[in-house]
Structure formats: structure tokens, C-alpha cells
PDB file of all heavy atoms in Angstrom:
ATOM      1  N   ILE A   1     -13.072   1.868  16.141  1.00  0.00           N
ATOM      2  CA  ILE A   1     -13.867   1.684  17.351  1.00  0.00           C
ATOM      3  C   ILE A   1     -14.065   0.189  17.532  1.00  0.00           C
ATOM      4  O   ILE A   1     -14.522  -0.501  16.610  1.00  0.00           O
ATOM      5  CB  ILE A   1     -15.212   2.419  17.248  1.00  0.00           C
ATOM      6  CG1 ILE A   1     -14.966   3.937  17.237  1.00  0.00           C
ATOM      7  CG2 ILE A   1     -16.123   2.055  18.409  1.00  0.00           C
ATOM      8  CD1 ILE A   1     -16.209   4.774  17.122  1.00  0.00           C
ATOM      9  N   LEU A   2     -13.695  -0.305  18.703  1.00  0.00           N
ATOM     10  CA  LEU A   2     -13.718  -1.740  18.972  1.00  0.00           C
ATOM     11  C   LEU A   2     -14.884  -2.118  19.882  1.00  0.00           C
ATOM     12  O   LEU A   2     -15.292  -1.339  20.750  1.00  0.00           O
ATOM     13  CB  LEU A   2     -12.410  -2.183  19.632  1.00  0.00           C
ATOM     14  CG  LEU A   2     -11.091  -1.797  18.950  1.00  0.00           C
ATOM     15  CD1 LEU A   2      -9.916  -2.348  19.737  1.00  0.00           C
ATOM     16  CD2 LEU A   2     -11.059  -2.300  17.507  1.00  0.00           C
ATOM     17  N   LYS A   3     -15.374  -3.313  19.654  1.00  0.00           N
ATOM     18  CA  LYS A   3     -16.369  -3.912  20.546  1.00  0.00           C
ATOM     19  C   LYS A   3     -15.985  -5.371  20.707  1.00  0.00           C
ATOM     20  O   LYS A   3     -15.832  -6.091  19.711  1.00  0.00           O
ATOM     21  CB  LYS A   3     -17.782  -3.785  19.947  1.00  0.00           C
ATOM     22  CG  LYS A   3     -18.866  -4.253  20.910  1.00  0.00           C
ATOM     23  CD  LYS A   3     -20.251  -3.999  20.321  1.00  0.00           C
ATOM     24  CE  LYS A   3     -21.326  -4.400  21.318  1.00  0.00           C
ATOM     25  NZ  LYS A   3     -22.690  -4.163  20.781  1.00  0.00           N
ATOM     26  N   ASP A   4     -15.797  -5.778  21.957  1.00  0.00           N
ATOM     27  CA  ASP A   4     -15.308  -7.126  22.241  1.00  0.00           C
ATOM     28  C   ASP A   4     -13.994  -7.388  21.503  1.00  0.00           C
ATOM     29  O   ASP A   4     -13.767  -8.462  20.935  1.00  0.00           O
ATOM     30  CB  ASP A   4     -16.356  -8.184  21.845  1.00  0.00           C
ATOM     31  CG  ASP A   4     -17.663  -8.019  22.603  1.00  0.00           C
ATOM     32  OD1 ASP A   4     -17.599  -7.605  23.782  1.00  0.00           O
ATOM     33  OD2 ASP A   4     -18.718  -8.272  22.027  1.00  0.00           O
ATOM     34  N   GLU A   5     -13.145  -6.364  21.487  1.00  0.00           N
ATOM     35  CA  GLU A   5     -11.802  -6.416  20.901  1.00  0.00           C
ATOM     36  C   GLU A   5     -11.802  -6.570  19.378  1.00  0.00           C
ATOM     37  O   GLU A   5     -10.762  -6.813  18.773  1.00  0.00           O
ATOM     38  CB  GLU A   5     -10.966  -7.538  21.536  1.00  0.00           C
ATOM     39  CG  GLU A   5     -10.779  -7.364  23.039  1.00  0.00           C
ATOM     40  CD  GLU A   5      -9.861  -8.416  23.624  1.00  0.00           C
ATOM     41  OE1 GLU A   5      -9.328  -9.240  22.860  1.00  0.00           O
ATOM     42  OE2 GLU A   5      -9.672  -8.395  24.863  1.00  0.00           O
ATOM     43  N   MET A   6     -12.957  -6.403  18.751  1.00  0.00           N
ATOM     44  CA  MET A   6     -13.058  -6.491  17.295  1.00  0.00           C
ATOM     45  C   MET A   6     -13.520  -5.145  16.740  1.00  0.00           C
ATOM     46  O   MET A   6     -14.380  -4.484  17.325  1.00  0.00           O
ATOM     47  CB  MET A   6     -14.038  -7.586  16.877  1.00  0.00           C
ATOM     48  CG  MET A   6     -13.659  -8.974  17.372  1.00  0.00           C
ATOM     49  SD  MET A   6     -12.091  -9.548  16.673  1.00  0.00           S
ATOM     50  CE  MET A   6     -12.595  -9.858  14.975  1.00  0.00           C
ATOM     51  N   PRO A   7     -12.952  -4.715  15.581  1.00  0.00           N
ATOM     52  CA  PRO A   7     -13.355  -3.427  15.013  1.00  0.00           C
ATOM     53  C   PRO A   7     -14.781  -3.456  14.479  1.00  0.00           C
ATOM     54  O   PRO A   7     -15.167  -4.393  13.783  1.00  0.00           O
ATOM     55  CB  PRO A   7     -12.344  -3.207  13.887  1.00  0.00           C
ATOM     56  CG  PRO A   7     -11.900  -4.575  13.504  1.00  0.00           C
ATOM     57  CD  PRO A   7     -11.913  -5.384  14.760  1.00  0.00           C
ATOM     58  N   VAL A   8     -15.564  -2.434  14.829  1.00  0.00           N
ATOM     59  CA  VAL A   8     -16.932  -2.319  14.305  1.00  0.00           C
ATOM     60  C   VAL A   8     -17.074  -1.087  13.406  1.00  0.00           C
ATOM     61  O   VAL A   8     -17.926  -1.055  12.525  1.00  0.00           O
ATOM     62  CB  VAL A   8     -17.983  -2.270  15.438  1.00  0.00           C
ATOM     63  CG1 VAL A   8     -18.079  -3.612  16.130  1.00  0.00           C
ATOM     64  CG2 VAL A   8     -17.663  -1.165  16.439  1.00  0.00           C
ATOM     65  N   ILE A   9     -16.224  -0.071  13.645  1.00  0.00           N
ATOM     66  CA  ILE A   9     -16.244   1.129  12.805  1.00  0.00           C
ATOM     67  C   ILE A   9     -14.799   1.548  12.532  1.00  0.00           C
ATOM     68  O   ILE A   9     -14.015   1.729  13.461  1.00  0.00           O
ATOM     69  CB  ILE A   9     -16.978   2.309  13.480  1.00  0.00           C
ATOM     70  CG1 ILE A   9     -18.391   1.928  13.906  1.00  0.00           C
ATOM     71  CG2 ILE A   9     -17.035   3.522  12.530  1.00  0.00           C
ATOM     72  CD1 ILE A   9     -19.128   3.020  14.685  1.00  0.00           C
ATOM     73  N   LEU A  10     -14.454   1.671  11.249  1.00  0.00           N
ATOM     74  CA  LEU A  10     -13.153   2.202  10.866  1.00  0.00           C
ATOM     75  C   LEU A  10     -13.304   3.687  10.564  1.00  0.00           C
ATOM     76  O   LEU A  10     -14.290   4.101   9.948  1.00  0.00           O
ATOM     77  CB  LEU A  10     -12.614   1.481   9.623  1.00  0.00           C
ATOM     78  CG  LEU A  10     -12.416  -0.034   9.718  1.00  0.00           C
ATOM     79  CD1 LEU A  10     -11.890  -0.558   8.388  1.00  0.00           C
ATOM     80  CD2 LEU A  10     -11.461  -0.400  10.846  1.00  0.00           C
ATOM     81  N   ILE A  11     -12.322   4.488  10.974  1.00  0.00           N
ATOM     82  CA  ILE A  11     -12.423   5.940  10.805  1.00  0.00           C
ATOM     83  C   ILE A  11     -11.162   6.475  10.139  1.00  0.00           C
ATOM     84  O   ILE A  11     -10.052   6.192  10.589  1.00  0.00           O
ATOM     85  CB  ILE A  11     -12.612   6.651  12.165  1.00  0.00           C
ATOM     86  CG1 ILE A  11     -13.834   6.089  12.892  1.00  0.00           C
ATOM     87  CG2 ILE A  11     -12.738   8.160  11.980  1.00  0.00           C
ATOM     88  CD1 ILE A  11     -13.980   6.577  14.321  1.00  0.00           C
ATOM     89  N   GLU A  12     -11.361   7.227   9.075  1.00  0.00           N
ATOM     90  CA  GLU A  12     -10.242   7.914   8.435  1.00  0.00           C
ATOM     91  C   GLU A  12     -10.465   9.412   8.540  1.00  0.00           C
ATOM     92  O   GLU A  12     -11.569   9.907   8.285  1.00  0.00           O
ATOM     93  CB  GLU A  12     -10.092   7.514   6.973  1.00  0.00           C
ATOM     94  CG  GLU A  12      -8.879   8.179   6.331  1.00  0.00           C
ATOM     95  CD  GLU A  12      -8.663   7.780   4.879  1.00  0.00           C
ATOM     96  OE1 GLU A  12      -9.300   6.829   4.423  1.00  0.00           O
ATOM     97  OE2 GLU A  12      -7.863   8.448   4.201  1.00  0.00           O
ATOM     98  N   CYS A  13      -9.416  10.134   8.905  1.00  0.00           N
ATOM     99  CA  CYS A  13      -9.518  11.571   9.156  1.00  0.00           C
ATOM    100  C   CYS A  13      -8.719  12.368   8.124  1.00  0.00           C
ATOM    101  O   CYS A  13      -7.639  11.957   7.707  1.00  0.00           O
ATOM    102  CB  CYS A  13      -8.998  11.903  10.550  1.00  0.00           C
ATOM    103  SG  CYS A  13      -9.694  10.873  11.861  1.00  0.00           S
ATOM    104  N   LYS A  14      -9.267  13.516   7.770  1.00  0.00           N
ATOM    105  CA  LYS A  14      -8.598  14.468   6.885  1.00  0.00           C
ATOM    106  C   LYS A  14      -8.586  15.843   7.553  1.00  0.00           C
ATOM    107  O   LYS A  14      -9.321  16.085   8.511  1.00  0.00           O
ATOM    108  CB  LYS A  14      -9.336  14.573   5.540  1.00  0.00           C
ATOM    109  CG  LYS A  14      -9.494  13.245   4.793  1.00  0.00           C
ATOM    110  CD  LYS A  14      -8.181  12.752   4.232  1.00  0.00           C
ATOM    111  CE  LYS A  14      -8.379  11.507   3.387  1.00  0.00           C
ATOM    112  NZ  LYS A  14      -7.082  10.960   2.909  1.00  0.00           N
ATOM    113  N   HIS A  15      -7.757  16.718   7.018  1.00  0.00           N
ATOM    114  CA  HIS A  15      -7.808  18.114   7.472  1.00  0.00           C
ATOM    115  C   HIS A  15      -9.151  18.704   7.053  1.00  0.00           C
ATOM    116  O   HIS A  15      -9.702  18.342   6.008  1.00  0.00           O
ATOM    117  CB  HIS A  15      -6.656  18.914   6.858  1.00  0.00           C
ATOM    118  CG  HIS A  15      -6.602  20.338   7.324  1.00  0.00           C
ATOM    119  ND1 HIS A  15      -7.128  21.366   6.589  1.00  0.00           N
ATOM    120  CD2 HIS A  15      -6.117  20.886   8.470  1.00  0.00           C
ATOM    121  CE1 HIS A  15      -6.944  22.507   7.247  1.00  0.00           C
ATOM    122  NE2 HIS A  15      -6.337  22.245   8.388  1.00  0.00           N
ATOM    123  N   TYR A  16      -9.687  19.606   7.887  1.00  0.00           N
ATOM    124  CA  TYR A  16     -11.057  20.084   7.643  1.00  0.00           C
ATOM    125  C   TYR A  16     -11.221  20.765   6.280  1.00  0.00           C
ATOM    126  O   TYR A  16     -12.325  20.832   5.737  1.00  0.00           O
ATOM    127  CB  TYR A  16     -11.511  21.032   8.767  1.00  0.00           C
ATOM    128  CG  TYR A  16     -11.029  22.454   8.635  1.00  0.00           C
ATOM    129  CD1 TYR A  16     -11.748  23.388   7.900  1.00  0.00           C
ATOM    130  CD2 TYR A  16      -9.861  22.884   9.258  1.00  0.00           C
ATOM    131  CE1 TYR A  16     -11.318  24.694   7.779  1.00  0.00           C
ATOM    132  CE2 TYR A  16      -9.421  24.188   9.143  1.00  0.00           C
ATOM    133  CZ  TYR A  16     -10.154  25.090   8.409  1.00  0.00           C
ATOM    134  OH  TYR A  16      -9.739  26.378   8.282  1.00  0.00           O
ATOM    135  N   ALA A  17     -10.119  21.277   5.697  1.00  0.00           N
ATOM    136  CA  ALA A  17     -10.208  21.950   4.395  1.00  0.00           C
ATOM    137  C   ALA A  17     -10.093  20.981   3.233  1.00  0.00           C
ATOM    138  O   ALA A  17     -10.291  21.359   2.078  1.00  0.00           O
ATOM    139  CB  ALA A  17      -9.123  23.016   4.286  1.00  0.00           C
ATOM    140  N   ASP A  18      -9.771  19.708   3.509  1.00  0.00           N
ATOM    141  CA  ASP A  18      -9.609  18.711   2.448  1.00  0.00           C
ATOM    142  C   ASP A  18     -10.961  18.122   2.056  1.00  0.00           C
ATOM    143  O   ASP A  18     -11.864  17.966   2.884  1.00  0.00           O
ATOM    144  CB  ASP A  18      -8.684  17.576   2.900  1.00  0.00           C
ATOM    145  CG  ASP A  18      -7.247  18.037   3.061  1.00  0.00           C
ATOM    146  OD1 ASP A  18      -6.923  19.110   2.516  1.00  0.00           O
ATOM    147  OD2 ASP A  18      -6.469  17.331   3.721  1.00  0.00           O
ATOM    148  N   GLY A  19     -11.089  17.776   0.775  1.00  0.00           N
ATOM    149  CA  GLY A  19     -12.307  17.125   0.304  1.00  0.00           C
ATOM    150  C   GLY A  19     -12.345  15.677   0.735  1.00  0.00           C
ATOM    151  O   GLY A  19     -11.322  15.078   1.066  1.00  0.00           O
ATOM    152  N   LEU A  20     -13.543  15.101   0.740  1.00  0.00           N
ATOM    153  CA  LEU A  20     -13.726  13.709   1.135  1.00  0.00           C
ATOM    154  C   LEU A  20     -14.086  12.877  -0.090  1.00  0.00           C
ATOM    155  O   LEU A  20     -15.238  12.850  -0.516  1.00  0.00           O
ATOM    156  CB  LEU A  20     -14.819  13.601   2.198  1.00  0.00           C
ATOM    157  CG  LEU A  20     -14.564  14.359   3.503  1.00  0.00           C
ATOM    158  CD1 LEU A  20     -15.731  14.162   4.461  1.00  0.00           C
ATOM    159  CD2 LEU A  20     -13.271  13.915   4.150  1.00  0.00           C
ATOM    160  N   ASP A  21     -13.106  12.200  -0.659  1.00  0.00           N
ATOM    161  CA  ASP A  21     -13.314  11.360  -1.837  1.00  0.00           C
ATOM    162  C   ASP A  21     -13.057   9.912  -1.446  1.00  0.00           C
ATOM    163  O   ASP A  21     -11.923   9.535  -1.144  1.00  0.00           O
ATOM    164  CB  ASP A  21     -12.359  11.776  -2.957  1.00  0.00           C
ATOM    165  CG  ASP A  21     -12.595  10.985  -4.248  1.00  0.00           C
ATOM    166  OD1 ASP A  21     -13.375   9.999  -4.197  1.00  0.00           O
ATOM    167  OD2 ASP A  21     -12.018  11.335  -5.271  1.00  0.00           O
ATOM    168  N   PRO A  22     -14.105   9.063  -1.417  1.00  0.00           N
ATOM    169  CA  PRO A  22     -13.906   7.674  -0.971  1.00  0.00           C
ATOM    170  C   PRO A  22     -12.919   6.896  -1.838  1.00  0.00           C
ATOM    171  O   PRO A  22     -12.264   5.976  -1.367  1.00  0.00           O
ATOM    172  CB  PRO A  22     -15.321   7.079  -1.048  1.00  0.00           C
ATOM    173  CG  PRO A  22     -16.062   7.961  -1.995  1.00  0.00           C
ATOM    174  CD  PRO A  22     -15.488   9.316  -1.804  1.00  0.00           C
ATOM    175  N   HIS A  23     -12.790   7.258  -3.124  1.00  0.00           N
ATOM    176  CA  HIS A  23     -11.866   6.534  -3.996  1.00  0.00           C
ATOM    177  C   HIS A  23     -10.417   6.777  -3.603  1.00  0.00           C
ATOM    178  O   HIS A  23      -9.543   5.938  -3.849  1.00  0.00           O
ATOM    179  CB  HIS A  23     -12.092   6.946  -5.455  1.00  0.00           C
ATOM    180  CG  HIS A  23     -13.399   6.465  -5.994  1.00  0.00           C
ATOM    181  ND1 HIS A  23     -13.640   5.152  -6.290  1.00  0.00           N
ATOM    182  CD2 HIS A  23     -14.556   7.125  -6.250  1.00  0.00           C
ATOM    183  CE1 HIS A  23     -14.876   5.012  -6.733  1.00  0.00           C
ATOM    184  NE2 HIS A  23     -15.458   6.200  -6.710  1.00  0.00           N
ATOM    185  N   ASN A  24     -10.152   7.930  -3.008  1.00  0.00           N
ATOM    186  CA  ASN A  24      -8.803   8.225  -2.553  1.00  0.00           C
ATOM    187  C   ASN A  24      -8.621   7.856  -1.074  1.00  0.00           C
ATOM    188  O   ASN A  24      -7.605   8.150  -0.474  1.00  0.00           O
ATOM    189  CB  ASN A  24      -8.480   9.713  -2.738  1.00  0.00           C
ATOM    190  CG  ASN A  24      -8.466  10.105  -4.199  1.00  0.00           C
ATOM    191  OD1 ASN A  24      -8.155   9.274  -5.057  1.00  0.00           O
ATOM    192  ND2 ASN A  24      -8.819  11.344  -4.503  1.00  0.00           N
ATOM    193  N   SER A  25      -9.618   7.228  -0.516  1.00  0.00           N
ATOM    194  CA  SER A  25      -9.602   6.900   0.904  1.00  0.00           C
ATOM    195  C   SER A  25      -9.010   5.516   1.148  1.00  0.00           C
ATOM    196  O   SER A  25      -9.264   4.567   0.402  1.00  0.00           O
ATOM    197  CB  SER A  25     -11.025   6.955   1.464  1.00  0.00           C
ATOM    198  OG  SER A  25     -11.086   6.355   2.731  1.00  0.00           O
ATOM    199  N   GLN A  26      -8.244   5.399   2.210  1.00  0.00           N
ATOM    200  CA  GLN A  26      -7.723   4.092   2.608  1.00  0.00           C
ATOM    201  C   GLN A  26      -8.862   3.172   3.033  1.00  0.00           C
ATOM    202  O   GLN A  26      -8.751   1.953   2.908  1.00  0.00           O
ATOM    203  CB  GLN A  26      -6.735   4.272   3.760  1.00  0.00           C
ATOM    204  CG  GLN A  26      -5.504   5.080   3.382  1.00  0.00           C
ATOM    205  CD  GLN A  26      -4.552   5.256   4.545  1.00  0.00           C
ATOM    206  OE1 GLN A  26      -3.848   4.320   4.898  1.00  0.00           O
ATOM    207  NE2 GLN A  26      -4.548   6.439   5.133  1.00  0.00           N
ATOM    208  N   LEU A  27      -9.963   3.763   3.519  1.00  0.00           N
ATOM    209  CA  LEU A  27     -11.105   2.950   3.935  1.00  0.00           C
ATOM    210  C   LEU A  27     -11.603   2.079   2.797  1.00  0.00           C
ATOM    211  O   LEU A  27     -12.018   0.939   3.002  1.00  0.00           O
ATOM    212  CB  LEU A  27     -12.253   3.857   4.419  1.00  0.00           C
ATOM    213  CG  LEU A  27     -12.023   4.659   5.694  1.00  0.00           C
ATOM    214  CD1 LEU A  27     -13.226   5.541   5.963  1.00  0.00           C
ATOM    215  CD2 LEU A  27     -11.780   3.743   6.870  1.00  0.00           C
ATOM    216  N   PHE A  28     -11.588   2.632   1.587  1.00  0.00           N
ATOM    217  CA  PHE A  28     -12.092   1.910   0.420  1.00  0.00           C
ATOM    218  C   PHE A  28     -11.272   0.641   0.176  1.00  0.00           C
ATOM    219  O   PHE A  28     -11.786  -0.353  -0.319  1.00  0.00           O
ATOM    220  CB  PHE A  28     -12.015   2.829  -0.808  1.00  0.00           C
ATOM    221  CG  PHE A  28     -13.011   2.483  -1.876  1.00  0.00           C
ATOM    222  CD1 PHE A  28     -14.363   2.624  -1.645  1.00  0.00           C
ATOM    223  CD2 PHE A  28     -12.593   2.022  -3.115  1.00  0.00           C
ATOM    224  CE1 PHE A  28     -15.296   2.329  -2.629  1.00  0.00           C
ATOM    225  CE2 PHE A  28     -13.512   1.719  -4.106  1.00  0.00           C
ATOM    226  CZ  PHE A  28     -14.865   1.870  -3.861  1.00  0.00           C
ATOM    227  N   ARG A  29      -9.993   0.697   0.564  1.00  0.00           N
ATOM    228  CA  ARG A  29      -9.116  -0.454   0.368  1.00  0.00           C
ATOM    229  C   ARG A  29      -9.104  -1.385   1.574  1.00  0.00           C
ATOM    230  O   ARG A  29      -8.903  -2.585   1.442  1.00  0.00           O
ATOM    231  CB  ARG A  29      -7.685   0.031   0.087  1.00  0.00           C
ATOM    232  CG  ARG A  29      -7.579   0.934  -1.133  1.00  0.00           C
ATOM    233  CD  ARG A  29      -6.121   1.161  -1.522  1.00  0.00           C
ATOM    234  NE  ARG A  29      -5.378   1.866  -0.477  1.00  0.00           N
ATOM    235  CZ  ARG A  29      -5.339   3.190  -0.367  1.00  0.00           C
ATOM    236  NH1 ARG A  29      -6.026   3.956  -1.211  1.00  0.00           N
ATOM    237  NH2 ARG A  29      -4.623   3.771   0.587  1.00  0.00           N
ATOM    238  N   TYR A  30      -9.312  -0.825   2.771  1.00  0.00           N
ATOM    239  CA  TYR A  30      -9.168  -1.610   3.988  1.00  0.00           C
ATOM    240  C   TYR A  30     -10.443  -2.312   4.440  1.00  0.00           C
ATOM    241  O   TYR A  30     -10.389  -3.253   5.209  1.00  0.00           O
ATOM    242  CB  TYR A  30      -8.715  -0.697   5.146  1.00  0.00           C
ATOM    243  CG  TYR A  30      -7.364  -0.058   4.969  1.00  0.00           C
ATOM    244  CD1 TYR A  30      -6.952   0.962   5.824  1.00  0.00           C
ATOM    245  CD2 TYR A  30      -6.500  -0.463   3.954  1.00  0.00           C
ATOM    246  CE1 TYR A  30      -5.719   1.568   5.672  1.00  0.00           C
ATOM    247  CE2 TYR A  30      -5.265   0.146   3.797  1.00  0.00           C
ATOM    248  CZ  TYR A  30      -4.884   1.154   4.648  1.00  0.00           C
ATOM    249  OH  TYR A  30      -3.675   1.750   4.505  1.00  0.00           O
ATOM    250  N   PHE A  31     -11.583  -1.809   3.988  1.00  0.00           N
ATOM    251  CA  PHE A  31     -12.868  -2.235   4.545  1.00  0.00           C
ATOM    252  C   PHE A  31     -13.023  -3.753   4.580  1.00  0.00           C
ATOM    253  O   PHE A  31     -13.418  -4.346   5.577  1.00  0.00           O
ATOM    254  CB  PHE A  31     -14.014  -1.598   3.744  1.00  0.00           C
ATOM    255  CG  PHE A  31     -15.383  -1.810   4.342  1.00  0.00           C
ATOM    256  CD1 PHE A  31     -15.846  -0.978   5.349  1.00  0.00           C
ATOM    257  CD2 PHE A  31     -16.203  -2.834   3.904  1.00  0.00           C
ATOM    258  CE1 PHE A  31     -17.108  -1.158   5.902  1.00  0.00           C
ATOM    259  CE2 PHE A  31     -17.459  -3.021   4.452  1.00  0.00           C
ATOM    260  CZ  PHE A  31     -17.913  -2.185   5.452  1.00  0.00           C
ATOM    261  N   HIS A  32     -12.673  -4.419   3.466  1.00  0.00           N
ATOM    262  CA  HIS A  32     -12.921  -5.861   3.356  1.00  0.00           C
ATOM    263  C   HIS A  32     -11.938  -6.700   4.160  1.00  0.00           C
ATOM    264  O   HIS A  32     -12.116  -7.911   4.303  1.00  0.00           O
ATOM    265  CB  HIS A  32     -12.865  -6.299   1.881  1.00  0.00           C
ATOM    266  CG  HIS A  32     -11.485  -6.272   1.305  1.00  0.00           C
ATOM    267  ND1 HIS A  32     -10.885  -5.098   0.918  1.00  0.00           N
ATOM    268  CD2 HIS A  32     -10.583  -7.269   1.072  1.00  0.00           C
ATOM    269  CE1 HIS A  32      -9.671  -5.368   0.454  1.00  0.00           C
ATOM    270  NE2 HIS A  32      -9.467  -6.675   0.543  1.00  0.00           N
ATOM    271  N   THR A  33     -10.872  -6.075   4.690  1.00  0.00           N
ATOM    272  CA  THR A  33      -9.841  -6.842   5.397  1.00  0.00           C
ATOM    273  C   THR A  33     -10.145  -6.990   6.885  1.00  0.00           C
ATOM    274  O   THR A  33      -9.417  -7.679   7.592  1.00  0.00           O
ATOM    275  CB  THR A  33      -8.460  -6.167   5.242  1.00  0.00           C
ATOM    276  OG1 THR A  33      -8.464  -4.925   5.949  1.00  0.00           O
ATOM    277  CG2 THR A  33      -8.149  -5.927   3.777  1.00  0.00           C
ATOM    278  N   THR A  34     -11.192  -6.333   7.385  1.00  0.00           N
ATOM    279  CA  THR A  34     -11.516  -6.389   8.816  1.00  0.00           C
ATOM    280  C   THR A  34     -12.951  -6.862   9.019  1.00  0.00           C
ATOM    281  O   THR A  34     -13.708  -7.061   8.054  1.00  0.00           O
ATOM    282  CB  THR A  34     -11.363  -4.999   9.474  1.00  0.00           C
ATOM    283  OG1 THR A  34     -12.454  -4.168   9.083  1.00  0.00           O
ATOM    284  CG2 THR A  34     -10.046  -4.352   9.078  1.00  0.00           C
ATOM    285  N   THR A  35     -13.326  -7.006  10.284  1.00  0.00           N
ATOM    286  CA  THR A  35     -14.703  -7.404  10.620  1.00  0.00           C
ATOM    287  C   THR A  35     -15.636  -6.203  10.712  1.00  0.00           C
ATOM    288  O   THR A  35     -16.830  -6.367  10.965  1.00  0.00           O
ATOM    289  CB  THR A  35     -14.724  -8.138  11.974  1.00  0.00           C
ATOM    290  OG1 THR A  35     -14.170  -7.275  12.979  1.00  0.00           O
ATOM    291  CG2 THR A  35     -13.904  -9.426  11.898  1.00  0.00           C
ATOM    292  N   ALA A  36     -15.101  -5.001  10.531  1.00  0.00           N
ATOM    293  CA  ALA A  36     -15.918  -3.784  10.659  1.00  0.00           C
ATOM    294  C   ALA A  36     -17.025  -3.773   9.610  1.00  0.00           C
ATOM    295  O   ALA A  36     -16.790  -4.077   8.439  1.00  0.00           O
ATOM    296  CB  ALA A  36     -15.046  -2.550  10.517  1.00  0.00           C
ATOM    297  N   ARG A  37     -18.236  -3.397  10.037  1.00  0.00           N
ATOM    298  CA  ARG A  37     -19.370  -3.289   9.125  1.00  0.00           C
ATOM    299  C   ARG A  37     -19.624  -1.847   8.703  1.00  0.00           C
ATOM    300  O   ARG A  37     -20.389  -1.598   7.772  1.00  0.00           O
ATOM    301  CB  ARG A  37     -20.637  -3.831   9.793  1.00  0.00           C
ATOM    302  CG  ARG A  37     -20.652  -5.329   9.990  1.00  0.00           C
ATOM    303  CD  ARG A  37     -20.710  -6.082   8.658  1.00  0.00           C
ATOM    304  NE  ARG A  37     -21.789  -5.581   7.823  1.00  0.00           N
ATOM    305  CZ  ARG A  37     -23.066  -5.941   7.974  1.00  0.00           C
ATOM    306  NH1 ARG A  37     -23.419  -6.785   8.922  1.00  0.00           N
ATOM    307  NH2 ARG A  37     -23.989  -5.450   7.152  1.00  0.00           N
ATOM    308  N   PHE A  38     -18.984  -0.913   9.394  1.00  0.00           N
ATOM    309  CA  PHE A  38     -19.191   0.496   9.072  1.00  0.00           C
ATOM    310  C   PHE A  38     -17.845   1.209   9.000  1.00  0.00           C
ATOM    311  O   PHE A  38     -16.872   0.821   9.637  1.00  0.00           O
ATOM    312  CB  PHE A  38     -20.066   1.185  10.132  1.00  0.00           C
ATOM    313  CG  PHE A  38     -21.409   0.561  10.302  1.00  0.00           C
ATOM    314  CD1 PHE A  38     -21.669  -0.274  11.380  1.00  0.00           C
ATOM    315  CD2 PHE A  38     -22.422   0.789   9.389  1.00  0.00           C
ATOM    316  CE1 PHE A  38     -22.906  -0.870  11.533  1.00  0.00           C
ATOM    317  CE2 PHE A  38     -23.657   0.197   9.527  1.00  0.00           C
ATOM    318  CZ  PHE A  38     -23.899  -0.637  10.605  1.00  0.00           C
ATOM    319  N   SER A  39     -17.811   2.257   8.205  1.00  0.00           N
ATOM    320  CA  SER A  39     -16.632   3.111   8.143  1.00  0.00           C
ATOM    321  C   SER A  39     -17.085   4.563   8.123  1.00  0.00           C
ATOM    322  O   SER A  39     -18.186   4.880   7.670  1.00  0.00           O
ATOM    323  CB  SER A  39     -15.781   2.793   6.908  1.00  0.00           C
ATOM    324  OG  SER A  39     -16.532   2.938   5.726  1.00  0.00           O
ATOM    325  N   LEU A  40     -16.219   5.414   8.636  1.00  0.00           N
ATOM    326  CA  LEU A  40     -16.520   6.846   8.728  1.00  0.00           C
ATOM    327  C   LEU A  40     -15.374   7.621   8.113  1.00  0.00           C
ATOM    328  O   LEU A  40     -14.219   7.473   8.516  1.00  0.00           O
ATOM    329  CB  LEU A  40     -16.707   7.250  10.197  1.00  0.00           C
ATOM    330  CG  LEU A  40     -16.764   8.755  10.504  1.00  0.00           C
ATOM    331  CD1 LEU A  40     -17.924   9.414   9.778  1.00  0.00           C
ATOM    332  CD2 LEU A  40     -16.875   8.996  12.011  1.00  0.00           C
TER     333      LEU A  40
END
């Protein structure tokens, strides 16, 4: 989700039957590379 052309929220999606493990999430690796302050 962008605001003023800069990312503010990064979102990673899984199939509804899949578990949500942040360690296996790309968000855990990508978070520090962008200006986004939040991830979903």
C-alpha cells in the first residue's frame, strides 16, 4: 500500500488453509529494505 508513491504497508498473502509463520515469511526478510513501517 503506497502513500505519496512510497510503501507504508507491505502485505504477504497465503492460502486460507496455510499457517502464518513470520519466520517463513518474505516480510521478515524484506521489511528493512523499504520505507514501510507496517507489514501484514
